[in-house]
């Protein structure tokens, strides 16, 4: 009984990123969706600290406001804003997929690019509105 060697054109596991697997837009958006969900969970601690500081005293809120207005604080708020809006946009995309719409490759890529553009544009809009008001 002889054993045939494995075919070289077998599908590879998607976890073999690197020289074995070329990342695709859909897989990268899926990973980013999960990471933004995690970031939002941890960012909620930041929001809870803000509310707690506001409820505690003017001095505590002043310290929090000072930290939030540093470059690191603003970058964290910007990242949190983008994560929230990306997760929202991609979640809407997934709701369409749950109804069986947009599952073909062309539409999946188009909606993926739309999610990226929309999340960046909405983030810019939120920050522009925050600084203009």
N, C-alpha and C. Protein backbone atom coordinates (compact mmCIF):
# COMPACT_ATOMS: atom_id res chain seq x y z
N UNK A 1 0.84 -1.16 0.00
CA UNK A 1 0.00 0.00 0.00
C UNK A 1 0.89 1.24 0.00
N UNK A 2 0.74 2.07 -1.01
CA UNK A 2 1.56 3.27 -1.09
C UNK A 2 0.71 4.49 -0.72
N UNK A 3 1.36 5.45 -0.14
CA UNK A 3 0.69 6.68 0.27
C UNK A 3 1.09 7.79 -0.67
N UNK A 4 0.10 8.48 -1.21
CA UNK A 4 0.36 9.60 -2.11
C UNK A 4 0.80 10.82 -1.30
N UNK A 5 1.73 11.60 -1.84
CA UNK A 5 2.09 12.84 -1.14
C UNK A 5 0.92 13.83 -1.19
N UNK A 6 0.86 14.69 -0.18
CA UNK A 6 -0.22 15.69 -0.11
C UNK A 6 -0.14 16.63 -1.29
N UNK A 7 -1.29 17.00 -1.79
CA UNK A 7 -1.36 17.93 -2.90
C UNK A 7 -0.89 19.31 -2.44
N UNK A 8 -0.16 20.02 -3.29
CA UNK A 8 0.35 21.33 -2.91
C UNK A 8 -0.70 22.43 -3.07
N UNK A 9 -1.83 22.13 -3.68
CA UNK A 9 -2.85 23.16 -3.83
C UNK A 9 -4.04 22.94 -2.90
N UNK A 10 -3.78 22.31 -1.77
CA UNK A 10 -4.82 22.17 -0.74
C UNK A 10 -5.05 23.51 -0.06
N UNK A 11 -6.25 23.79 0.41
CA UNK A 11 -6.48 25.04 1.13
C UNK A 11 -5.73 25.02 2.46
N UNK A 12 -5.21 26.20 2.83
CA UNK A 12 -4.48 26.34 4.08
C UNK A 12 -5.38 26.95 5.14
N UNK A 13 -5.01 26.71 6.37
CA UNK A 13 -5.74 27.31 7.48
C UNK A 13 -5.60 28.83 7.43
N UNK A 14 -6.67 29.58 7.70
CA UNK A 14 -6.56 31.04 7.68
C UNK A 14 -5.65 31.59 8.77
N UNK A 15 -5.25 30.75 9.72
CA UNK A 15 -4.38 31.21 10.79
C UNK A 15 -2.91 31.15 10.40
N UNK A 16 -2.63 30.71 9.20
CA UNK A 16 -1.25 30.63 8.74
C UNK A 16 -0.89 31.91 8.00
N UNK A 17 -0.94 33.01 8.73
CA UNK A 17 -0.65 34.32 8.14
C UNK A 17 0.85 34.45 7.98
N UNK A 18 1.24 35.12 6.96
CA UNK A 18 2.66 35.28 6.67
C UNK A 18 2.93 34.81 5.26
N UNK A 19 3.99 34.06 5.06
CA UNK A 19 4.29 33.62 3.71
C UNK A 19 3.32 32.56 3.19
N UNK A 20 2.51 31.99 4.08
CA UNK A 20 1.62 30.91 3.67
C UNK A 20 0.23 31.39 3.31
N UNK A 21 -0.19 32.48 3.87
CA UNK A 21 -1.57 32.93 3.69
C UNK A 21 -1.59 34.42 3.44
N UNK A 22 -2.23 34.83 2.39
CA UNK A 22 -2.34 36.26 2.07
C UNK A 22 -3.59 36.81 2.75
N UNK A 23 -3.42 37.75 3.69
CA UNK A 23 -4.60 38.33 4.35
C UNK A 23 -5.51 39.01 3.33
N UNK A 24 -6.81 38.83 3.52
CA UNK A 24 -7.80 39.42 2.62
C UNK A 24 -8.56 40.50 3.38
N UNK A 25 -9.16 41.40 2.65
CA UNK A 25 -9.89 42.50 3.26
C UNK A 25 -10.95 41.98 4.24
N UNK A 26 -11.70 40.98 3.83
CA UNK A 26 -12.78 40.48 4.67
C UNK A 26 -12.26 39.89 5.98
N UNK A 27 -11.15 39.17 5.92
CA UNK A 27 -10.60 38.60 7.16
C UNK A 27 -10.02 39.68 8.05
N UNK A 28 -9.37 40.68 7.47
CA UNK A 28 -8.79 41.77 8.26
C UNK A 28 -9.89 42.61 8.92
N UNK A 29 -11.00 42.83 8.20
CA UNK A 29 -12.11 43.58 8.79
C UNK A 29 -12.76 42.79 9.93
N UNK A 30 -12.81 41.48 9.78
CA UNK A 30 -13.36 40.64 10.84
C UNK A 30 -12.49 40.69 12.09
N UNK A 31 -11.19 40.60 11.90
CA UNK A 31 -10.26 40.68 13.04
C UNK A 31 -10.36 42.06 13.68
N UNK A 32 -10.42 43.11 12.87
CA UNK A 32 -10.53 44.47 13.39
C UNK A 32 -11.83 44.66 14.16
N UNK A 33 -12.91 44.04 13.67
CA UNK A 33 -14.20 44.14 14.37
C UNK A 33 -14.08 43.55 15.78
N UNK A 34 -13.42 42.43 15.88
CA UNK A 34 -13.24 41.79 17.19
C UNK A 34 -12.36 42.65 18.10
N UNK A 35 -11.28 43.20 17.53
CA UNK A 35 -10.37 44.03 18.33
C UNK A 35 -11.04 45.33 18.78
N UNK A 36 -11.87 45.93 17.91
CA UNK A 36 -12.56 47.15 18.33
C UNK A 36 -13.60 46.84 19.40
N UNK A 37 -14.21 45.68 19.34
CA UNK A 37 -15.13 45.28 20.40
C UNK A 37 -14.40 45.17 21.73
N UNK A 38 -13.21 44.60 21.71
CA UNK A 38 -12.39 44.50 22.91
C UNK A 38 -11.97 45.88 23.40
N UNK A 39 -11.56 46.74 22.47
CA UNK A 39 -11.16 48.10 22.83
C UNK A 39 -12.32 48.87 23.44
N UNK A 40 -13.52 48.67 22.92
CA UNK A 40 -14.69 49.34 23.48
C UNK A 40 -14.99 48.86 24.90
N UNK A 41 -14.77 47.59 25.14
CA UNK A 41 -14.98 47.06 26.49
C UNK A 41 -14.01 47.71 27.47
N UNK A 42 -12.75 47.82 27.09
CA UNK A 42 -11.77 48.46 27.97
C UNK A 42 -11.97 49.97 28.02
N UNK A 43 -12.41 50.56 26.92
CA UNK A 43 -12.68 51.99 26.89
C UNK A 43 -13.82 52.39 27.80
N UNK A 44 -14.70 51.46 28.08
CA UNK A 44 -15.81 51.74 28.99
C UNK A 44 -15.30 52.05 30.39
N UNK A 45 -14.16 51.48 30.74
CA UNK A 45 -13.53 51.80 32.03
C UNK A 45 -13.15 53.29 32.05
N UNK A 46 -12.66 53.79 30.92
CA UNK A 46 -12.31 55.20 30.78
C UNK A 46 -13.56 56.08 30.96
N UNK A 47 -14.66 55.68 30.34
CA UNK A 47 -15.91 56.42 30.46
C UNK A 47 -16.43 56.38 31.90
N UNK A 48 -16.31 55.21 32.54
CA UNK A 48 -16.73 55.08 33.94
C UNK A 48 -15.89 55.98 34.84
N UNK A 49 -14.59 56.10 34.56
CA UNK A 49 -13.72 56.98 35.35
C UNK A 49 -14.14 58.43 35.17
N UNK A 50 -14.52 58.79 33.95
CA UNK A 50 -14.97 60.15 33.67
C UNK A 50 -16.24 60.48 34.48
N UNK A 51 -17.20 59.58 34.44
CA UNK A 51 -18.47 59.80 35.16
C UNK A 51 -18.22 59.82 36.66
N UNK A 52 -17.36 58.91 37.14
CA UNK A 52 -17.05 58.87 38.57
C UNK A 52 -16.37 60.16 39.02
N UNK A 53 -15.43 60.64 38.20
CA UNK A 53 -14.75 61.90 38.54
C UNK A 53 -15.74 63.06 38.57
N UNK A 54 -16.65 63.09 37.62
CA UNK A 54 -17.64 64.16 37.57
C UNK A 54 -18.58 64.10 38.77
N UNK A 55 -18.87 62.90 39.24
CA UNK A 55 -19.79 62.75 40.37
C UNK A 55 -19.10 62.94 41.71
N UNK A 56 -17.77 62.82 41.72
CA UNK A 56 -17.04 62.90 42.99
C UNK A 56 -16.83 64.33 43.45
N UNK A 57 -16.11 65.12 42.65
CA UNK A 57 -15.84 66.51 43.04
C UNK A 57 -15.33 67.27 41.83
N UNK A 58 -15.33 68.59 41.97
CA UNK A 58 -14.82 69.44 40.90
C UNK A 58 -13.32 69.22 40.73
N UNK A 59 -12.62 68.97 41.83
CA UNK A 59 -11.17 68.73 41.77
C UNK A 59 -10.87 67.43 41.03
N UNK A 60 -11.62 66.38 41.35
CA UNK A 60 -11.41 65.08 40.68
C UNK A 60 -11.70 65.20 39.19
N UNK A 61 -12.78 65.93 38.87
CA UNK A 61 -13.11 66.11 37.45
C UNK A 61 -12.04 66.96 36.76
N UNK A 62 -11.51 67.95 37.43
CA UNK A 62 -10.46 68.78 36.87
C UNK A 62 -9.21 67.97 36.54
N UNK A 63 -8.86 67.04 37.43
CA UNK A 63 -7.70 66.18 37.17
C UNK A 63 -7.96 65.27 35.98
N UNK A 64 -9.17 64.74 35.91
CA UNK A 64 -9.51 63.88 34.77
C UNK A 64 -9.50 64.68 33.48
N UNK A 65 -10.08 65.88 33.51
CA UNK A 65 -10.12 66.72 32.31
C UNK A 65 -8.72 67.09 31.87
N UNK A 66 -7.82 67.35 32.82
CA UNK A 66 -6.43 67.66 32.47
C UNK A 66 -5.80 66.47 31.74
N UNK A 67 -5.99 65.27 32.29
CA UNK A 67 -5.41 64.06 31.67
C UNK A 67 -6.02 63.81 30.29
N UNK A 68 -7.31 64.05 30.15
CA UNK A 68 -7.97 63.82 28.86
C UNK A 68 -7.52 64.84 27.82
N UNK A 69 -7.06 66.00 28.24
CA UNK A 69 -6.63 67.04 27.30
C UNK A 69 -5.15 66.95 26.93
N UNK A 70 -4.43 65.98 27.50
CA UNK A 70 -3.05 65.76 27.06
C UNK A 70 -3.08 65.10 25.69
N UNK A 71 -1.93 65.05 25.02
CA UNK A 71 -1.88 64.44 23.69
C UNK A 71 -2.25 62.95 23.77
N UNK A 72 -1.79 62.28 24.82
CA UNK A 72 -2.12 60.85 24.99
C UNK A 72 -3.62 60.68 25.23
N UNK A 73 -4.19 61.54 26.06
CA UNK A 73 -5.62 61.47 26.33
C UNK A 73 -6.45 61.70 25.08
N UNK A 74 -6.03 62.70 24.29
CA UNK A 74 -6.77 62.98 23.05
C UNK A 74 -6.62 61.85 22.05
N UNK A 75 -5.43 61.24 21.97
CA UNK A 75 -5.25 60.11 21.06
C UNK A 75 -6.11 58.92 21.50
N UNK A 76 -6.20 58.70 22.80
CA UNK A 76 -7.05 57.61 23.30
C UNK A 76 -8.53 57.89 22.99
N UNK A 77 -8.95 59.14 23.16
CA UNK A 77 -10.33 59.49 22.84
C UNK A 77 -10.61 59.37 21.34
N UNK A 78 -9.64 59.76 20.52
CA UNK A 78 -9.78 59.62 19.08
C UNK A 78 -9.89 58.14 18.69
N UNK A 79 -9.02 57.32 19.27
CA UNK A 79 -9.05 55.88 18.98
C UNK A 79 -10.37 55.26 19.46
N UNK A 80 -10.85 55.68 20.62
CA UNK A 80 -12.11 55.17 21.14
C UNK A 80 -13.27 55.56 20.23
N UNK A 81 -13.25 56.80 19.76
CA UNK A 81 -14.30 57.28 18.85
C UNK A 81 -14.30 56.47 17.56
N UNK A 82 -13.10 56.27 16.97
CA UNK A 82 -13.03 55.50 15.73
C UNK A 82 -13.47 54.06 15.97
N UNK A 83 -13.02 53.46 17.07
CA UNK A 83 -13.39 52.07 17.36
C UNK A 83 -14.91 51.92 17.48
N UNK A 84 -15.53 52.89 18.15
CA UNK A 84 -16.99 52.84 18.32
C UNK A 84 -17.70 52.96 16.98
N UNK A 85 -17.25 53.89 16.15
CA UNK A 85 -17.93 54.10 14.87
C UNK A 85 -17.62 53.00 13.86
N UNK A 86 -16.40 52.46 13.89
CA UNK A 86 -16.07 51.32 13.03
C UNK A 86 -16.92 50.11 13.42
N UNK A 87 -17.00 49.86 14.73
CA UNK A 87 -17.76 48.71 15.22
C UNK A 87 -19.23 48.86 14.85
N UNK A 88 -19.75 50.09 14.92
CA UNK A 88 -21.14 50.36 14.53
C UNK A 88 -21.34 50.08 13.04
N UNK A 89 -20.49 50.66 12.20
CA UNK A 89 -20.63 50.51 10.75
C UNK A 89 -20.49 49.04 10.34
N UNK A 90 -19.50 48.36 10.89
CA UNK A 90 -19.30 46.96 10.53
C UNK A 90 -20.42 46.09 11.10
N UNK A 91 -20.97 46.49 12.25
CA UNK A 91 -22.10 45.76 12.80
C UNK A 91 -23.33 45.87 11.91
N UNK A 92 -23.56 47.05 11.32
CA UNK A 92 -24.66 47.23 10.37
C UNK A 92 -24.43 46.34 9.15
N UNK A 93 -23.18 46.28 8.69
CA UNK A 93 -22.83 45.40 7.57
C UNK A 93 -23.17 43.95 7.90
N UNK A 94 -22.86 43.54 9.12
CA UNK A 94 -23.17 42.16 9.54
C UNK A 94 -24.67 41.93 9.63
N UNK A 95 -25.43 42.96 10.00
CA UNK A 95 -26.88 42.79 10.03
C UNK A 95 -27.43 42.51 8.63
N UNK A 96 -26.88 43.18 7.62
CA UNK A 96 -27.29 42.88 6.25
C UNK A 96 -26.91 41.45 5.88
N UNK A 97 -25.73 41.02 6.29
CA UNK A 97 -25.30 39.65 6.00
C UNK A 97 -26.23 38.64 6.67
N UNK A 98 -26.73 38.98 7.87
CA UNK A 98 -27.63 38.08 8.57
C UNK A 98 -28.94 37.87 7.82
N UNK A 99 -29.29 38.82 6.95
CA UNK A 99 -30.50 38.66 6.15
C UNK A 99 -30.21 37.97 4.81
N UNK A 100 -28.95 37.63 4.59
CA UNK A 100 -28.56 36.96 3.35
C UNK A 100 -28.18 37.90 2.23
N UNK A 101 -28.08 39.19 2.52
CA UNK A 101 -27.74 40.18 1.49
C UNK A 101 -26.25 40.51 1.56
N UNK A 102 -25.66 40.79 0.40
CA UNK A 102 -24.28 41.26 0.34
C UNK A 102 -23.22 40.22 0.61
N UNK A 103 -23.55 38.96 0.42
CA UNK A 103 -22.60 37.90 0.73
C UNK A 103 -21.68 37.54 -0.44
N UNK A 104 -22.01 37.99 -1.65
CA UNK A 104 -21.13 37.68 -2.78
C UNK A 104 -19.84 38.47 -2.62
N UNK A 105 -18.76 37.99 -3.20
CA UNK A 105 -17.44 38.55 -2.98
C UNK A 105 -17.34 40.03 -3.37
N UNK A 106 -17.92 40.39 -4.51
CA UNK A 106 -17.84 41.78 -4.97
C UNK A 106 -18.52 42.73 -3.99
N UNK A 107 -19.71 42.37 -3.54
CA UNK A 107 -20.45 43.21 -2.59
C UNK A 107 -19.78 43.22 -1.22
N UNK A 108 -19.23 42.07 -0.81
CA UNK A 108 -18.54 42.01 0.49
C UNK A 108 -17.34 42.95 0.50
N UNK A 109 -16.59 43.01 -0.59
CA UNK A 109 -15.45 43.92 -0.67
C UNK A 109 -15.92 45.38 -0.74
N UNK A 110 -16.95 45.64 -1.52
CA UNK A 110 -17.47 47.02 -1.63
C UNK A 110 -17.97 47.51 -0.28
N UNK A 111 -18.71 46.68 0.42
CA UNK A 111 -19.22 47.09 1.73
C UNK A 111 -18.08 47.21 2.75
N UNK A 112 -17.04 46.41 2.58
CA UNK A 112 -15.87 46.52 3.46
C UNK A 112 -15.17 47.85 3.30
N UNK A 113 -14.96 48.25 2.05
CA UNK A 113 -14.35 49.56 1.81
C UNK A 113 -15.25 50.69 2.30
N UNK A 114 -16.56 50.51 2.14
CA UNK A 114 -17.51 51.51 2.62
C UNK A 114 -17.43 51.65 4.14
N UNK A 115 -17.28 50.54 4.85
CA UNK A 115 -17.15 50.57 6.31
C UNK A 115 -15.91 51.37 6.72
N UNK A 116 -14.80 51.15 6.03
CA UNK A 116 -13.57 51.86 6.35
C UNK A 116 -13.75 53.36 6.12
N UNK A 117 -14.25 53.72 4.95
CA UNK A 117 -14.43 55.14 4.62
C UNK A 117 -15.44 55.79 5.56
N UNK A 118 -16.54 55.11 5.81
CA UNK A 118 -17.59 55.68 6.67
C UNK A 118 -17.09 55.88 8.09
N UNK A 119 -16.35 54.91 8.62
CA UNK A 119 -15.87 55.04 10.01
C UNK A 119 -14.88 56.19 10.15
N UNK A 120 -14.01 56.36 9.17
CA UNK A 120 -13.05 57.46 9.22
C UNK A 120 -13.78 58.80 9.05
N UNK A 121 -14.72 58.87 8.09
CA UNK A 121 -15.47 60.12 7.86
C UNK A 121 -16.32 60.48 9.07
N UNK A 122 -16.98 59.51 9.66
CA UNK A 122 -17.81 59.79 10.83
C UNK A 122 -16.95 60.24 12.01
N UNK A 123 -15.79 59.63 12.18
CA UNK A 123 -14.88 60.03 13.26
C UNK A 123 -14.44 61.47 13.05
N UNK A 124 -14.06 61.80 11.82
CA UNK A 124 -13.66 63.18 11.51
C UNK A 124 -14.82 64.13 11.77
N UNK A 125 -16.02 63.73 11.41
CA UNK A 125 -17.20 64.57 11.63
C UNK A 125 -17.49 64.80 13.10
N UNK A 126 -17.38 63.75 13.89
CA UNK A 126 -17.62 63.87 15.33
C UNK A 126 -16.59 64.81 15.96
N UNK A 127 -15.33 64.63 15.59
CA UNK A 127 -14.28 65.47 16.17
C UNK A 127 -14.38 66.91 15.67
N UNK A 128 -14.75 67.10 14.44
CA UNK A 128 -14.93 68.46 13.92
C UNK A 128 -16.09 69.14 14.66
N UNK A 129 -17.18 68.42 14.85
CA UNK A 129 -18.33 68.97 15.57
C UNK A 129 -17.97 69.28 17.01
N UNK A 130 -17.16 68.43 17.63
CA UNK A 130 -16.79 68.65 19.03
C UNK A 130 -15.93 69.89 19.19
N UNK A 131 -15.08 70.16 18.22
CA UNK A 131 -14.20 71.34 18.32
C UNK A 131 -14.85 72.61 17.79
N UNK A 132 -15.87 72.48 16.96
CA UNK A 132 -16.54 73.66 16.44
C UNK A 132 -17.61 74.18 17.42
N UNK A 133 -18.10 73.29 18.26
CA UNK A 133 -19.16 73.70 19.20
C UNK A 133 -18.60 74.27 20.47
